[in-house]
Amino acid sequence: MAKTVVGRMKLGTQGLEVSAQGLGCMNMTALYLYGPPPKPESDMISLIHHAIDSGITFFDTSDVYGPFTNEILLGKAVNGGVRDKVQIATKFGITITDGNNMGVSGDPQYVREACEASLKRLGVDCIDLYYKHRIDTRVPIEITVGELKKLVEVGKIKYIGLSEASAASIRRAHAVHPITAVQLRVAVVVNRCRG
């Protein structure tokens, strides 16, 4: 059987090159605080390895998936010989308190703490693409991105992304540091016809 060839593409203008097809890992572990029970870890690691063998190099996760367990899973899968073949994107900014209350934070201290925690869970020295998962309207985006810029400068992250951001927020953020990628959820609308 012929091996599948997955093309490559550039994200942004700063040099990040990834596979044209990526793998979102969110559903490989329990989602947030609800959802179906996770699949066996060994099966999910095998799936990630199969994706890598198929030419997929771009893997997307978040600290809130699980919470936290998704990054641990991805870290186990990509360490031990394949880390240099993949690009890891993870997200931060959705906070969970008291077990089930969700909030958003863009505070600089939180940015640093979240990054360090993700690096530890992933078992890596540097995150390829670090997304702000949701915009904290209480903290100017310039402050949050300013802290992310510092993480780029010290080598903790390579590129900055935003998720669920308005055009105005993206422009303001990009004025502080280049934004490499923007992630948006796609709402699925189903029309049902009655006969």
N, C-alpha and C. Protein backbone atom coordinates (compact mmCIF):
# COMPACT_ATOMS: atom_id res chain seq x y z
N MET A 1 0.84 -1.18 0.00
CA MET A 1 0.00 0.00 0.00
C MET A 1 0.89 1.24 0.00
N ALA A 2 0.57 2.19 -0.86
CA ALA A 2 1.34 3.43 -0.94
C ALA A 2 1.13 4.29 0.30
N LYS A 3 2.20 4.90 0.74
CA LYS A 3 2.11 5.77 1.92
C LYS A 3 1.42 7.08 1.54
N THR A 4 0.55 7.56 2.41
CA THR A 4 -0.14 8.82 2.20
C THR A 4 0.86 9.96 2.30
N VAL A 5 0.75 10.89 1.37
CA VAL A 5 1.62 12.06 1.41
C VAL A 5 0.79 13.26 1.87
N VAL A 6 1.20 13.88 2.95
CA VAL A 6 0.53 15.06 3.47
C VAL A 6 1.41 16.26 3.14
N GLY A 7 0.82 17.24 2.46
CA GLY A 7 1.57 18.43 2.08
C GLY A 7 1.97 19.27 3.27
N ARG A 8 2.74 20.29 3.01
CA ARG A 8 3.20 21.22 4.03
C ARG A 8 2.65 22.60 3.73
N MET A 9 2.53 23.43 4.75
CA MET A 9 2.08 24.81 4.56
C MET A 9 2.71 25.69 5.63
N LYS A 10 2.76 26.98 5.33
CA LYS A 10 3.28 27.94 6.30
C LYS A 10 2.12 28.61 7.00
N LEU A 11 2.28 28.81 8.29
CA LEU A 11 1.32 29.59 9.08
C LEU A 11 1.97 30.93 9.37
N GLY A 12 1.29 32.00 9.06
CA GLY A 12 1.84 33.32 9.31
C GLY A 12 3.03 33.61 8.43
N THR A 13 3.79 34.62 8.82
CA THR A 13 4.95 35.05 8.03
C THR A 13 6.26 34.94 8.81
N GLN A 14 6.22 34.31 9.97
CA GLN A 14 7.41 34.23 10.81
C GLN A 14 8.21 32.96 10.60
N GLY A 15 7.70 32.01 9.77
CA GLY A 15 8.49 30.83 9.47
C GLY A 15 7.93 29.50 9.96
N LEU A 16 6.81 29.49 10.64
CA LEU A 16 6.25 28.22 11.12
C LEU A 16 5.70 27.43 9.94
N GLU A 17 6.25 26.23 9.74
CA GLU A 17 5.78 25.34 8.69
C GLU A 17 5.24 24.08 9.34
N VAL A 18 4.05 23.67 8.92
CA VAL A 18 3.37 22.52 9.51
C VAL A 18 2.78 21.66 8.40
N SER A 19 2.30 20.48 8.76
CA SER A 19 1.60 19.66 7.79
C SER A 19 0.28 20.35 7.43
N ALA A 20 -0.14 20.22 6.18
CA ALA A 20 -1.37 20.86 5.73
C ALA A 20 -2.59 20.29 6.44
N GLN A 21 -2.47 19.11 6.94
CA GLN A 21 -3.53 18.50 7.75
C GLN A 21 -2.97 18.33 9.16
N GLY A 22 -3.73 18.75 10.14
CA GLY A 22 -3.30 18.60 11.53
C GLY A 22 -4.21 17.63 12.25
N LEU A 23 -3.89 17.38 13.51
CA LEU A 23 -4.73 16.51 14.33
C LEU A 23 -5.09 17.24 15.62
N GLY A 24 -6.37 17.50 15.78
CA GLY A 24 -6.88 18.06 17.02
C GLY A 24 -7.05 16.95 18.03
N CYS A 25 -6.47 17.09 19.19
CA CYS A 25 -6.44 16.01 20.18
C CYS A 25 -7.51 16.13 21.26
N MET A 26 -8.36 17.15 21.18
CA MET A 26 -9.32 17.45 22.24
C MET A 26 -10.11 16.23 22.71
N ASN A 27 -10.66 15.46 21.80
CA ASN A 27 -11.54 14.36 22.19
C ASN A 27 -10.80 13.08 22.56
N MET A 28 -9.49 13.14 22.65
CA MET A 28 -8.73 11.96 23.05
C MET A 28 -8.75 11.75 24.55
N THR A 29 -9.14 12.78 25.27
CA THR A 29 -9.33 12.67 26.72
C THR A 29 -10.68 13.29 27.01
N ALA A 30 -11.12 13.19 28.25
CA ALA A 30 -12.41 13.80 28.61
C ALA A 30 -12.36 15.29 28.29
N LEU A 31 -13.47 15.81 27.82
CA LEU A 31 -13.54 17.21 27.42
C LEU A 31 -14.04 18.05 28.57
N TYR A 32 -13.21 19.04 28.97
CA TYR A 32 -13.56 19.93 30.07
C TYR A 32 -14.05 19.11 31.25
N LEU A 33 -15.30 19.34 31.63
CA LEU A 33 -15.83 18.65 32.80
C LEU A 33 -16.98 17.72 32.43
N TYR A 34 -17.17 17.52 31.15
CA TYR A 34 -18.27 16.67 30.70
C TYR A 34 -17.81 15.92 29.45
N GLY A 35 -18.66 15.12 28.93
CA GLY A 35 -18.34 14.39 27.71
C GLY A 35 -18.18 12.92 27.99
N PRO A 36 -17.96 12.15 26.92
CA PRO A 36 -17.83 10.71 27.09
C PRO A 36 -16.54 10.36 27.80
N PRO A 37 -16.50 9.17 28.40
CA PRO A 37 -15.25 8.76 29.05
C PRO A 37 -14.13 8.67 28.01
N PRO A 38 -12.91 8.96 28.43
CA PRO A 38 -11.80 8.93 27.47
C PRO A 38 -11.54 7.51 26.98
N LYS A 39 -10.97 7.42 25.79
CA LYS A 39 -10.54 6.14 25.23
C LYS A 39 -9.26 5.71 25.94
N PRO A 40 -8.90 4.45 25.85
CA PRO A 40 -7.65 4.01 26.49
C PRO A 40 -6.45 4.82 25.98
N GLU A 41 -5.60 5.21 26.90
CA GLU A 41 -4.44 6.03 26.56
C GLU A 41 -3.57 5.37 25.49
N SER A 42 -3.38 4.06 25.61
CA SER A 42 -2.53 3.37 24.63
C SER A 42 -3.10 3.47 23.22
N ASP A 43 -4.42 3.42 23.10
CA ASP A 43 -5.05 3.56 21.78
C ASP A 43 -4.82 4.95 21.21
N MET A 44 -4.90 5.97 22.07
CA MET A 44 -4.73 7.35 21.59
C MET A 44 -3.27 7.62 21.22
N ILE A 45 -2.34 7.07 21.98
CA ILE A 45 -0.92 7.21 21.62
C ILE A 45 -0.65 6.52 20.29
N SER A 46 -1.25 5.35 20.09
CA SER A 46 -1.10 4.65 18.80
C SER A 46 -1.68 5.48 17.66
N LEU A 47 -2.80 6.14 17.91
CA LEU A 47 -3.40 7.00 16.89
C LEU A 47 -2.47 8.17 16.53
N ILE A 48 -1.89 8.80 17.54
CA ILE A 48 -0.96 9.90 17.30
C ILE A 48 0.25 9.42 16.50
N HIS A 49 0.78 8.25 16.86
CA HIS A 49 1.92 7.70 16.13
C HIS A 49 1.54 7.36 14.69
N HIS A 50 0.34 6.85 14.49
CA HIS A 50 -0.14 6.56 13.13
C HIS A 50 -0.22 7.86 12.32
N ALA A 51 -0.72 8.93 12.96
CA ALA A 51 -0.81 10.22 12.27
C ALA A 51 0.58 10.70 11.86
N ILE A 52 1.55 10.57 12.76
CA ILE A 52 2.93 10.98 12.45
C ILE A 52 3.48 10.15 11.29
N ASP A 53 3.26 8.84 11.35
CA ASP A 53 3.72 7.95 10.28
C ASP A 53 3.06 8.28 8.95
N SER A 54 1.87 8.90 9.00
CA SER A 54 1.14 9.28 7.80
C SER A 54 1.54 10.66 7.28
N GLY A 55 2.42 11.33 7.99
CA GLY A 55 2.91 12.63 7.54
C GLY A 55 2.32 13.83 8.26
N ILE A 56 1.46 13.58 9.23
CA ILE A 56 0.89 14.69 10.01
C ILE A 56 1.90 15.10 11.07
N THR A 57 2.18 16.40 11.12
CA THR A 57 3.16 16.89 12.09
C THR A 57 2.59 17.92 13.05
N PHE A 58 1.37 18.39 12.80
CA PHE A 58 0.80 19.50 13.56
C PHE A 58 -0.28 18.97 14.50
N PHE A 59 -0.05 19.10 15.81
CA PHE A 59 -0.95 18.57 16.83
C PHE A 59 -1.45 19.68 17.73
N ASP A 60 -2.75 19.72 17.95
CA ASP A 60 -3.40 20.80 18.68
C ASP A 60 -4.02 20.27 19.97
N THR A 61 -3.73 20.93 21.08
CA THR A 61 -4.28 20.56 22.38
C THR A 61 -4.54 21.83 23.18
N SER A 62 -4.88 21.69 24.45
CA SER A 62 -5.10 22.82 25.35
C SER A 62 -4.97 22.33 26.78
N ASP A 63 -4.58 23.25 27.66
CA ASP A 63 -4.50 22.87 29.07
C ASP A 63 -5.88 22.54 29.65
N VAL A 64 -6.93 23.10 29.09
CA VAL A 64 -8.26 22.88 29.64
C VAL A 64 -8.87 21.56 29.19
N TYR A 65 -8.31 20.92 28.16
CA TYR A 65 -8.83 19.63 27.73
C TYR A 65 -8.45 18.58 28.75
N GLY A 66 -9.43 18.05 29.39
CA GLY A 66 -9.21 17.04 30.43
C GLY A 66 -9.88 17.43 31.75
N PRO A 67 -9.56 18.48 32.39
CA PRO A 67 -8.46 19.41 32.14
C PRO A 67 -7.09 18.77 32.39
N PHE A 68 -6.12 19.25 31.68
CA PHE A 68 -4.70 18.94 31.81
C PHE A 68 -4.27 17.60 31.22
N THR A 69 -5.14 16.61 31.23
CA THR A 69 -4.74 15.26 30.81
C THR A 69 -4.41 15.16 29.32
N ASN A 70 -4.99 16.04 28.50
CA ASN A 70 -4.73 15.98 27.07
C ASN A 70 -3.29 16.35 26.75
N GLU A 71 -2.77 17.36 27.41
CA GLU A 71 -1.36 17.72 27.21
C GLU A 71 -0.44 16.60 27.67
N ILE A 72 -0.78 15.96 28.78
CA ILE A 72 0.04 14.84 29.27
C ILE A 72 0.06 13.72 28.24
N LEU A 73 -1.10 13.38 27.69
CA LEU A 73 -1.21 12.34 26.68
C LEU A 73 -0.35 12.68 25.46
N LEU A 74 -0.50 13.89 24.93
CA LEU A 74 0.27 14.28 23.76
C LEU A 74 1.77 14.26 24.06
N GLY A 75 2.13 14.71 25.26
CA GLY A 75 3.54 14.67 25.65
C GLY A 75 4.11 13.27 25.64
N LYS A 76 3.34 12.32 26.17
CA LYS A 76 3.80 10.92 26.16
C LYS A 76 3.97 10.41 24.74
N ALA A 77 3.09 10.82 23.86
CA ALA A 77 3.13 10.32 22.49
C ALA A 77 4.28 10.89 21.67
N VAL A 78 4.64 12.15 21.91
CA VAL A 78 5.64 12.79 21.04
C VAL A 78 7.05 12.77 21.62
N ASN A 79 7.22 12.41 22.86
CA ASN A 79 8.56 12.32 23.42
C ASN A 79 9.11 10.92 23.19
N GLY A 80 10.41 10.80 23.20
CA GLY A 80 11.02 9.51 22.95
C GLY A 80 11.30 9.27 21.47
N GLY A 81 11.75 10.30 20.78
CA GLY A 81 12.21 10.08 19.42
C GLY A 81 11.43 10.78 18.33
N VAL A 82 10.22 11.27 18.60
CA VAL A 82 9.47 11.93 17.53
C VAL A 82 9.25 13.42 17.76
N ARG A 83 9.70 13.95 18.87
CA ARG A 83 9.46 15.37 19.15
C ARG A 83 10.00 16.27 18.05
N ASP A 84 11.14 15.93 17.50
CA ASP A 84 11.73 16.79 16.47
C ASP A 84 11.00 16.69 15.13
N LYS A 85 10.01 15.81 15.02
CA LYS A 85 9.25 15.65 13.78
C LYS A 85 7.90 16.37 13.82
N VAL A 86 7.54 16.93 14.97
CA VAL A 86 6.19 17.47 15.13
C VAL A 86 6.21 18.92 15.59
N GLN A 87 5.08 19.59 15.37
CA GLN A 87 4.86 20.93 15.90
C GLN A 87 3.67 20.84 16.84
N ILE A 88 3.85 21.32 18.06
CA ILE A 88 2.81 21.27 19.08
C ILE A 88 2.19 22.64 19.24
N ALA A 89 0.87 22.67 19.12
CA ALA A 89 0.10 23.88 19.43
C ALA A 89 -0.72 23.58 20.67
N THR A 90 -0.63 24.43 21.66
CA THR A 90 -1.49 24.29 22.83
C THR A 90 -2.04 25.66 23.18
N LYS A 91 -3.06 25.64 24.02
CA LYS A 91 -3.78 26.86 24.36
C LYS A 91 -3.84 27.03 25.87
N PHE A 92 -4.03 28.28 26.29
CA PHE A 92 -4.19 28.62 27.70
C PHE A 92 -5.21 29.75 27.79
N GLY A 93 -5.69 29.99 28.98
CA GLY A 93 -6.54 31.16 29.19
C GLY A 93 -7.92 30.87 29.72
N ILE A 94 -8.39 29.63 29.58
CA ILE A 94 -9.65 29.25 30.21
C ILE A 94 -9.29 28.65 31.56
N THR A 95 -9.84 29.21 32.61
CA THR A 95 -9.52 28.74 33.95
C THR A 95 -10.70 27.96 34.52
N ILE A 96 -10.39 27.02 35.37
CA ILE A 96 -11.43 26.24 36.04
C ILE A 96 -11.19 26.38 37.53
N THR A 97 -12.22 26.84 38.23
CA THR A 97 -12.12 26.99 39.68
C THR A 97 -13.26 26.22 40.34
N ASP A 98 -13.04 25.80 41.54
CA ASP A 98 -14.06 25.09 42.32
C ASP A 98 -14.61 23.88 41.57
N GLY A 99 -13.75 23.25 40.74
CA GLY A 99 -14.16 22.03 40.09
C GLY A 99 -14.96 22.18 38.82
N ASN A 100 -15.79 23.24 38.71
CA ASN A 100 -16.61 23.33 37.50
C ASN A 100 -16.93 24.74 37.03
N ASN A 101 -16.43 25.75 37.69
CA ASN A 101 -16.67 27.12 37.24
C ASN A 101 -15.56 27.55 36.30
N MET A 102 -15.96 27.97 35.10
CA MET A 102 -14.98 28.36 34.10
C MET A 102 -14.88 29.88 34.01
N GLY A 103 -13.66 30.35 33.83
CA GLY A 103 -13.41 31.77 33.67
C GLY A 103 -12.36 31.98 32.60
N VAL A 104 -11.90 33.20 32.46
CA VAL A 104 -10.88 33.55 31.46
C VAL A 104 -9.85 34.43 32.15
N SER A 105 -8.58 34.21 31.84
CA SER A 105 -7.53 35.05 32.41
C SER A 105 -6.48 35.39 31.35
N GLY A 106 -6.07 36.64 31.36
CA GLY A 106 -4.98 37.11 30.52
C GLY A 106 -3.93 37.84 31.31
N ASP A 107 -3.98 37.70 32.63
CA ASP A 107 -3.04 38.35 33.54
C ASP A 107 -1.62 37.85 33.27
N PRO A 108 -0.63 38.74 33.22
CA PRO A 108 0.74 38.32 32.91
C PRO A 108 1.29 37.19 33.79
N GLN A 109 1.04 37.27 35.09
CA GLN A 109 1.53 36.21 35.96
C GLN A 109 0.89 34.88 35.60
N TYR A 110 -0.41 34.90 35.31
CA TYR A 110 -1.11 33.69 34.90
C TYR A 110 -0.54 33.15 33.59
N VAL A 111 -0.22 34.04 32.64
CA VAL A 111 0.36 33.64 31.36
C VAL A 111 1.64 32.84 31.60
N ARG A 112 2.52 33.36 32.45
CA ARG A 112 3.79 32.68 32.75
C ARG A 112 3.55 31.34 33.43
N GLU A 113 2.66 31.33 34.42
CA GLU A 113 2.38 30.09 35.15
C GLU A 113 1.76 29.04 34.25
N ALA A 114 0.83 29.46 33.40
CA ALA A 114 0.17 28.51 32.49
C ALA A 114 1.18 27.91 31.52
N CYS A 115 2.08 28.75 31.00
CA CYS A 115 3.09 28.27 30.07
C CYS A 115 4.01 27.24 30.74
N GLU A 116 4.50 27.56 31.92
CA GLU A 116 5.38 26.63 32.63
C GLU A 116 4.68 25.30 32.90
N ALA A 117 3.41 25.37 33.29
CA ALA A 117 2.66 24.14 33.57
C ALA A 117 2.47 23.31 32.30
N SER A 118 2.18 23.98 31.18
CA SER A 118 2.02 23.25 29.91
C SER A 118 3.33 22.63 29.46
N LEU A 119 4.43 23.35 29.58
CA LEU A 119 5.73 22.79 29.23
C LEU A 119 6.01 21.53 30.03
N LYS A 120 5.70 21.56 31.32
CA LYS A 120 5.93 20.41 32.19
C LYS A 120 5.04 19.24 31.79
N ARG A 121 3.74 19.50 31.56
CA ARG A 121 2.83 18.41 31.19
C ARG A 121 3.20 17.80 29.84
N LEU A 122 3.60 18.65 28.89
CA LEU A 122 3.99 18.16 27.57
C LEU A 122 5.37 17.51 27.57
N GLY A 123 6.18 17.83 28.58
CA GLY A 123 7.52 17.28 28.65
C GLY A 123 8.45 17.84 27.59
N VAL A 124 8.26 19.13 27.26
CA VAL A 124 9.07 19.78 26.23
C VAL A 124 9.71 21.04 26.79
N ASP A 125 10.72 21.54 26.09
CA ASP A 125 11.39 22.77 26.49
C ASP A 125 10.77 24.00 25.85
N CYS A 126 10.03 23.79 24.75
CA CYS A 126 9.48 24.91 24.00
C CYS A 126 8.19 24.48 23.32
N ILE A 127 7.19 25.35 23.37
CA ILE A 127 5.91 25.12 22.68
C ILE A 127 6.00 25.82 21.32
N ASP A 128 5.66 25.10 20.27
CA ASP A 128 5.79 25.67 18.92
C ASP A 128 4.81 26.81 18.68
N LEU A 129 3.53 26.60 19.00
CA LEU A 129 2.50 27.62 18.80
C LEU A 129 1.65 27.68 20.05
N TYR A 130 1.66 28.83 20.71
CA TYR A 130 0.94 28.99 21.98
C TYR A 130 -0.20 29.97 21.77
N TYR A 131 -1.41 29.45 21.88
CA TYR A 131 -2.62 30.25 21.65
C TYR A 131 -3.20 30.79 22.95
N LYS A 132 -3.68 31.99 22.91
CA LYS A 132 -4.57 32.51 23.96
C LYS A 132 -5.95 31.97 23.61
N HIS A 133 -6.48 31.08 24.44
CA HIS A 133 -7.70 30.33 24.14
C HIS A 133 -8.95 31.22 24.07
N ARG A 134 -9.07 32.14 24.96
CA ARG A 134 -10.17 33.12 24.97
C ARG A 134 -9.59 34.46 25.40
N ILE A 135 -10.19 35.53 24.94
CA ILE A 135 -9.70 36.87 25.26
C ILE A 135 -10.30 37.33 26.59
N ASP A 136 -9.45 37.77 27.48
CA ASP A 136 -9.86 38.31 28.78
C ASP A 136 -10.14 39.80 28.58
N THR A 137 -11.40 40.17 28.62
CA THR A 137 -11.77 41.58 28.37
C THR A 137 -11.39 42.50 29.52
N ARG A 138 -10.97 41.93 30.66
CA ARG A 138 -10.56 42.75 31.80
C ARG A 138 -9.10 43.18 31.71
N VAL A 139 -8.34 42.48 30.86
CA VAL A 139 -6.91 42.78 30.69
C VAL A 139 -6.69 43.17 29.23
N PRO A 140 -6.14 44.35 28.98
CA PRO A 140 -5.89 44.73 27.58
C PRO A 140 -5.08 43.66 26.86
N ILE A 141 -5.49 43.33 25.65
CA ILE A 141 -4.80 42.30 24.88
C ILE A 141 -3.32 42.62 24.71
N GLU A 142 -2.98 43.90 24.68
CA GLU A 142 -1.57 44.30 24.56
C GLU A 142 -0.74 43.80 25.74
N ILE A 143 -1.35 43.79 26.93
CA ILE A 143 -0.64 43.32 28.14
C ILE A 143 -0.39 41.82 28.04
N THR A 144 -1.43 41.07 27.66
CA THR A 144 -1.30 39.61 27.54
C THR A 144 -0.28 39.26 26.48
N VAL A 145 -0.38 39.87 25.30
CA VAL A 145 0.55 39.56 24.22
C VAL A 145 1.96 40.05 24.55
N GLY A 146 2.06 41.12 25.31
CA GLY A 146 3.38 41.57 25.76
C GLY A 146 4.07 40.50 26.59
N GLU A 147 3.31 39.83 27.42
CA GLU A 147 3.89 38.74 28.23
C GLU A 147 4.24 37.54 27.35
N LEU A 148 3.40 37.26 26.38
CA LEU A 148 3.70 36.17 25.44
C LEU A 148 4.97 36.49 24.64
N LYS A 149 5.13 37.74 24.27
CA LYS A 149 6.34 38.17 23.55
C LYS A 149 7.58 37.88 24.39
N LYS A 150 7.51 38.12 25.69
CA LYS A 150 8.64 37.81 26.58
C LYS A 150 8.94 36.32 26.58
N LEU A 151 7.88 35.49 26.51
CA LEU A 151 8.08 34.03 26.47
C LEU A 151 8.76 33.61 25.17
N VAL A 152 8.45 34.30 24.08
CA VAL A 152 9.15 34.05 22.81
C VAL A 152 10.62 34.42 22.97
N GLU A 153 10.87 35.57 23.55
CA GLU A 153 12.24 36.07 23.69
C GLU A 153 13.12 35.17 24.54
N VAL A 154 12.55 34.49 25.52
CA VAL A 154 13.35 33.59 26.37
C VAL A 154 13.31 32.14 25.87
N GLY A 155 12.62 31.89 24.76
CA GLY A 155 12.63 30.57 24.15
C GLY A 155 11.65 29.57 24.72
N LYS A 156 10.67 30.03 25.48
CA LYS A 156 9.66 29.10 26.02
C LYS A 156 8.61 28.75 24.96
N ILE A 157 8.32 29.70 24.07
CA ILE A 157 7.41 29.46 22.95
C ILE A 157 8.05 30.04 21.69
N LYS A 158 7.62 29.50 20.53
CA LYS A 158 8.17 30.00 19.26
C LYS A 158 7.23 31.00 18.59
N TYR A 159 5.94 30.70 18.60
CA TYR A 159 4.98 31.53 17.87
C TYR A 159 3.73 31.74 18.73
N ILE A 160 3.02 32.84 18.46
CA ILE A 160 1.83 33.22 19.23
C ILE A 160 0.60 33.11 18.35
N GLY A 161 -0.47 32.56 18.95
CA GLY A 161 -1.76 32.48 18.26
C GLY A 161 -2.87 33.01 19.15
N LEU A 162 -3.99 33.30 18.54
CA LEU A 162 -5.19 33.72 19.27
C LEU A 162 -6.35 32.84 18.86
N SER A 163 -7.22 32.54 19.79
CA SER A 163 -8.40 31.74 19.53
C SER A 163 -9.63 32.54 19.93
N GLU A 164 -10.63 32.54 19.08
CA GLU A 164 -11.90 33.22 19.36
C GLU A 164 -11.69 34.72 19.62
N ALA A 165 -10.88 35.35 18.80
CA ALA A 165 -10.60 36.78 18.97
C ALA A 165 -11.28 37.58 17.87
N SER A 166 -11.69 38.79 18.22
CA SER A 166 -12.28 39.69 17.23
C SER A 166 -11.18 40.26 16.33
N ALA A 167 -11.59 40.81 15.19
CA ALA A 167 -10.62 41.44 14.29
C ALA A 167 -9.87 42.57 14.99
N ALA A 168 -10.57 43.34 15.81
CA ALA A 168 -9.93 44.45 16.52
C ALA A 168 -8.88 43.93 17.50
N SER A 169 -9.20 42.87 18.23
CA SER A 169 -8.24 42.29 19.17
C SER A 169 -7.02 41.74 18.44
N ILE A 170 -7.25 41.11 17.29
CA ILE A 170 -6.15 40.56 16.52
C ILE A 170 -5.22 41.69 16.05
N ARG A 171 -5.78 42.78 15.55
CA ARG A 171 -4.96 43.91 15.10
C ARG A 171 -4.16 44.49 16.26
N ARG A 172 -4.80 44.68 17.41
CA ARG A 172 -4.10 45.25 18.57
C ARG A 172 -2.99 44.32 19.04
N ALA A 173 -3.27 43.02 19.06
CA ALA A 173 -2.27 42.05 19.48
C ALA A 173 -1.09 42.03 18.51
N HIS A 174 -1.40 42.04 17.23
CA HIS A 174 -0.37 41.96 16.19
C HIS A 174 0.56 43.18 16.21
N ALA A 175 0.05 44.29 16.71
CA ALA A 175 0.88 45.49 16.83
C ALA A 175 1.96 45.31 17.90
N VAL A 176 1.73 44.41 18.86
CA VAL A 176 2.70 44.15 19.93
C VAL A 176 3.70 43.09 19.48
N HIS A 177 3.19 42.03 18.85
CA HIS A 177 4.04 40.93 18.37
C HIS A 177 3.28 40.22 17.26
N PRO A 178 3.97 39.76 16.22
CA PRO A 178 3.26 39.08 15.14
C PRO A 178 2.43 37.90 15.63
N ILE A 179 1.19 37.86 15.18
CA ILE A 179 0.29 36.74 15.48
C ILE A 179 0.38 35.78 14.31
N THR A 180 0.81 34.56 14.59
CA THR A 180 1.06 33.58 13.55
C THR A 180 -0.20 32.88 13.08
N ALA A 181 -1.14 32.63 13.99
CA ALA A 181 -2.34 31.88 13.63
C ALA A 181 -3.52 32.36 14.46
N VAL A 182 -4.70 32.22 13.87
CA VAL A 182 -5.96 32.52 14.54
C VAL A 182 -6.84 31.30 14.41
N GLN A 183 -7.41 30.89 15.51
CA GLN A 183 -8.26 29.70 15.53
C GLN A 183 -9.69 30.11 15.88
N LEU A 184 -10.63 29.62 15.12
CA LEU A 184 -12.04 29.91 15.36
C LEU A 184 -12.83 28.61 15.36
N ARG A 185 -13.77 28.51 16.28
CA ARG A 185 -14.69 27.38 16.24
C ARG A 185 -15.67 27.61 15.11
N VAL A 186 -16.11 26.56 14.51
CA VAL A 186 -17.11 26.66 13.45
C VAL A 186 -18.42 26.13 14.01
N ALA A 187 -19.42 26.98 14.01
CA ALA A 187 -20.73 26.56 14.49
C ALA A 187 -21.42 25.79 13.37
N VAL A 188 -21.96 24.66 13.71
CA VAL A 188 -22.66 23.83 12.73
C VAL A 188 -24.16 24.07 12.90
N VAL A 189 -24.79 24.46 11.83
CA VAL A 189 -26.23 24.71 11.87
C VAL A 189 -26.90 23.62 11.05
N VAL A 190 -27.86 22.95 11.66
CA VAL A 190 -28.58 21.89 10.97
C VAL A 190 -30.02 22.32 10.78
N ASN A 191 -30.46 22.32 9.56
CA ASN A 191 -31.86 22.61 9.26
C ASN A 191 -32.59 21.29 9.09
N ARG A 192 -33.68 21.15 9.79
CA ARG A 192 -34.47 19.94 9.68
C ARG A 192 -35.76 20.27 8.94
N CYS A 193 -36.01 19.51 7.93
CA CYS A 193 -37.23 19.70 7.16
C CYS A 193 -38.29 18.72 7.67
N ARG A 194 -39.45 19.23 7.82
CA ARG A 194 -40.56 18.38 8.25
C ARG A 194 -41.40 18.03 7.03
N GLY A 195 -41.67 16.73 6.89
CA GLY A 195 -42.43 16.27 5.71
C GLY A 195 -43.91 16.33 5.89
